[in-house]
């Protein structure tokens, strides 16, 4: 056996019986702490006692945020569905559908972190009104076009 391998074995054998090795061997068992961040925070952060009023207020706030979030997502999906009908190009040659979808995304991103319930409600109502009026105008224009086409057929 070469002398370097023998020296390593001798060193390894001698380290097994030293107090330093005992420390290293037991080092893995020192940590018996929390497994998640939530457990860590629960152990070390002083908690404020909640009263029933605070819990009710928190519940109402969560419900309001959830309902406005749900309404905002519903409005966003409705806008995307409505843009399917805008299939003609604008002056630049880009389909109106794509322009409307891009603007919708920008507006929703701009209002993404708005927390004031009045402003959020106002934005949702304004968005619903805009979608409805755009669809009404589109339907009216299509009725006029259909009327023109039927009038042209009757003349022939």
Protein backbone atom coordinates (compact mmCIF):
# COMPACT_ATOMS: atom_id res chain seq x y z
CA UNK A 1 0.00 0.00 0.00
CA UNK A 2 1.43 3.43 -0.90
CA UNK A 3 2.39 5.61 2.05
CA UNK A 4 -0.20 8.36 1.29
CA UNK A 5 -3.14 5.95 1.44
CA UNK A 6 -1.83 4.48 4.66
CA UNK A 7 -1.48 7.97 6.14
CA UNK A 8 -5.06 8.85 5.17
CA UNK A 9 -6.39 5.67 6.76
CA UNK A 10 -4.40 6.30 9.90
CA UNK A 11 -5.67 9.87 10.04
CA UNK A 12 -9.28 8.78 9.46
CA UNK A 13 -9.02 6.11 12.14
CA UNK A 14 -7.54 8.55 14.62
CA UNK A 15 -10.25 11.17 13.91
CA UNK A 16 -13.02 8.74 14.80
CA UNK A 17 -11.98 8.82 18.42
CA UNK A 18 -11.33 12.54 18.86
CA UNK A 19 -13.77 14.91 20.59
CA UNK A 20 -13.88 17.06 17.44
CA UNK A 21 -15.34 14.18 15.46
CA UNK A 22 -18.01 13.66 18.13
CA UNK A 23 -19.05 17.29 17.65
CA UNK A 24 -19.20 16.83 13.88
CA UNK A 25 -21.12 13.60 14.19
CA UNK A 26 -23.82 15.21 16.36
CA UNK A 27 -23.95 18.46 14.44
CA UNK A 28 -26.74 17.24 12.18
CA UNK A 29 -29.02 16.71 15.18
CA UNK A 30 -28.72 20.27 16.53
CA UNK A 31 -31.46 21.65 14.27
CA UNK A 32 -34.89 20.59 15.41
CA UNK A 33 -36.45 23.90 14.40
CA UNK A 34 -39.45 24.78 12.29
CA UNK A 35 -39.79 23.28 8.84
CA UNK A 36 -41.64 26.17 7.23
CA UNK A 37 -41.54 29.95 7.40
CA UNK A 38 -45.04 29.99 8.88
CA UNK A 39 -43.90 27.82 11.78
CA UNK A 40 -40.88 30.05 12.31
CA UNK A 41 -43.03 33.18 12.37
CA UNK A 42 -45.59 31.55 14.66
CA UNK A 43 -42.87 30.73 17.17
CA UNK A 44 -41.03 34.06 17.16
CA UNK A 45 -43.50 36.81 16.32
CA UNK A 46 -45.67 38.29 19.04
CA UNK A 47 -49.27 37.91 18.01
CA UNK A 48 -51.92 40.52 18.56
CA UNK A 49 -55.01 39.18 20.23
CA UNK A 50 -57.90 39.36 17.82
CA UNK A 51 -61.32 40.39 18.93
CA UNK A 52 -64.50 39.24 17.26
CA UNK A 53 -64.88 42.68 15.64
CA UNK A 54 -61.44 42.38 14.04
CA UNK A 55 -62.27 38.91 12.74
CA UNK A 56 -65.57 40.11 11.28
CA UNK A 57 -63.85 43.10 9.66
CA UNK A 58 -61.16 40.84 8.21
CA UNK A 59 -63.80 38.47 6.87
CA UNK A 60 -65.76 41.30 5.24
CA UNK A 61 -62.58 42.75 3.73
CA UNK A 62 -61.59 39.36 2.33
CA UNK A 63 -65.07 38.82 0.91
CA UNK A 64 -65.08 42.28 -0.66
CA UNK A 65 -61.64 41.76 -2.19
CA UNK A 66 -62.61 38.33 -3.41
CA UNK A 67 -65.82 39.59 -4.97
CA UNK A 68 -64.13 42.55 -6.68
CA UNK A 69 -61.35 40.28 -7.89
CA UNK A 70 -63.94 37.87 -9.24
CA UNK A 71 -65.80 40.72 -10.92
CA UNK A 72 -62.59 42.12 -12.42
CA UNK A 73 -61.68 38.73 -13.86
CA UNK A 74 -65.20 38.32 -15.18
CA UNK A 75 -65.04 41.75 -16.82
CA UNK A 76 -61.65 40.96 -18.34
CA UNK A 77 -62.97 37.70 -19.81
CA UNK A 78 -66.08 39.45 -21.11
CA UNK A 79 -63.93 42.08 -22.83
CA UNK A 80 -61.78 39.38 -24.44
CA UNK A 81 -64.92 37.58 -25.62
CA UNK A 82 -66.37 40.80 -27.00
CA UNK A 83 -63.21 41.63 -28.94
CA UNK A 84 -63.77 38.56 -31.11
CA UNK A 85 -66.35 40.52 -33.07
CA UNK A 86 -63.92 43.31 -34.05
CA UNK A 87 -62.27 41.60 -37.02
CA UNK A 88 -61.49 44.54 -39.34
CA UNK A 89 -58.11 46.32 -39.43
CA UNK A 90 -57.44 49.88 -38.30
CA UNK A 91 -55.54 52.51 -40.31
CA UNK A 92 -52.20 50.83 -39.51
CA UNK A 93 -53.44 47.43 -40.71
CA UNK A 94 -53.65 45.95 -37.20
CA UNK A 95 -56.87 44.14 -36.31
CA UNK A 96 -59.07 46.08 -33.91
CA UNK A 97 -59.40 42.90 -31.87
CA UNK A 98 -55.67 42.95 -31.14
CA UNK A 99 -55.65 46.69 -30.40
CA UNK A 100 -58.55 46.35 -27.99
CA UNK A 101 -56.99 43.38 -26.22
CA UNK A 102 -53.68 45.19 -25.83
CA UNK A 103 -55.39 48.29 -24.40
CA UNK A 104 -57.48 46.14 -22.08
CA UNK A 105 -54.37 44.47 -20.73
CA UNK A 106 -52.66 47.84 -20.18
CA UNK A 107 -55.65 49.29 -18.34
CA UNK A 108 -56.05 46.27 -16.09
CA UNK A 109 -52.31 46.26 -15.32
CA UNK A 110 -52.46 49.98 -14.48
CA UNK A 111 -55.28 49.38 -11.99
CA UNK A 112 -53.89 46.11 -10.68
CA UNK A 113 -52.75 47.35 -7.26
CA UNK A 114 -55.65 49.71 -6.61
CA UNK A 115 -57.03 48.96 -3.13
CA UNK A 116 -59.60 51.73 -2.66
CA UNK A 117 -63.00 49.97 -2.93
CA UNK A 118 -64.72 53.06 -4.37
CA UNK A 119 -62.20 53.44 -7.17
CA UNK A 120 -62.25 49.71 -7.93
CA UNK A 121 -66.04 49.74 -8.08
CA UNK A 122 -66.02 52.83 -10.28
CA UNK A 123 -63.53 51.17 -12.64
CA UNK A 124 -65.59 47.98 -12.81
CA UNK A 125 -68.81 49.87 -13.53
CA UNK A 126 -67.10 52.03 -16.15
CA UNK A 127 -65.63 48.95 -17.80
CA UNK A 128 -68.98 47.17 -17.89
CA UNK A 129 -70.64 50.25 -19.39
CA UNK A 130 -67.91 50.61 -22.02
CA UNK A 131 -68.19 46.97 -23.08
CA UNK A 132 -71.96 47.14 -23.25
CA UNK A 133 -72.01 50.37 -25.27
CA UNK A 134 -69.36 49.03 -27.67
CA UNK A 135 -71.37 45.86 -28.24
CA UNK A 136 -74.58 47.88 -28.67
CA UNK A 137 -72.95 50.12 -31.28
CA UNK A 138 -71.49 47.10 -33.04
CA UNK A 139 -74.88 45.39 -33.13
CA UNK A 140 -76.53 48.58 -34.46
CA UNK A 141 -73.94 48.91 -37.26
CA UNK A 142 -74.41 45.26 -38.20
CA UNK A 143 -78.19 45.75 -38.35
CA UNK A 144 -77.66 48.76 -40.65
CA UNK A 145 -75.36 46.72 -42.90
CA UNK A 146 -77.86 43.86 -43.04
CA UNK A 147 -80.60 46.37 -43.88
CA UNK A 148 -78.49 47.86 -46.68
CA UNK A 149 -77.74 44.41 -48.10
CA UNK A 150 -81.43 43.44 -48.03
CA UNK A 151 -82.35 46.77 -49.65
CA UNK A 152 -79.84 46.16 -52.43
CA UNK A 153 -81.27 42.70 -53.06
CA UNK A 154 -84.84 44.04 -53.26
CA UNK A 155 -83.82 46.63 -55.86
CA UNK A 156 -82.40 43.99 -58.20
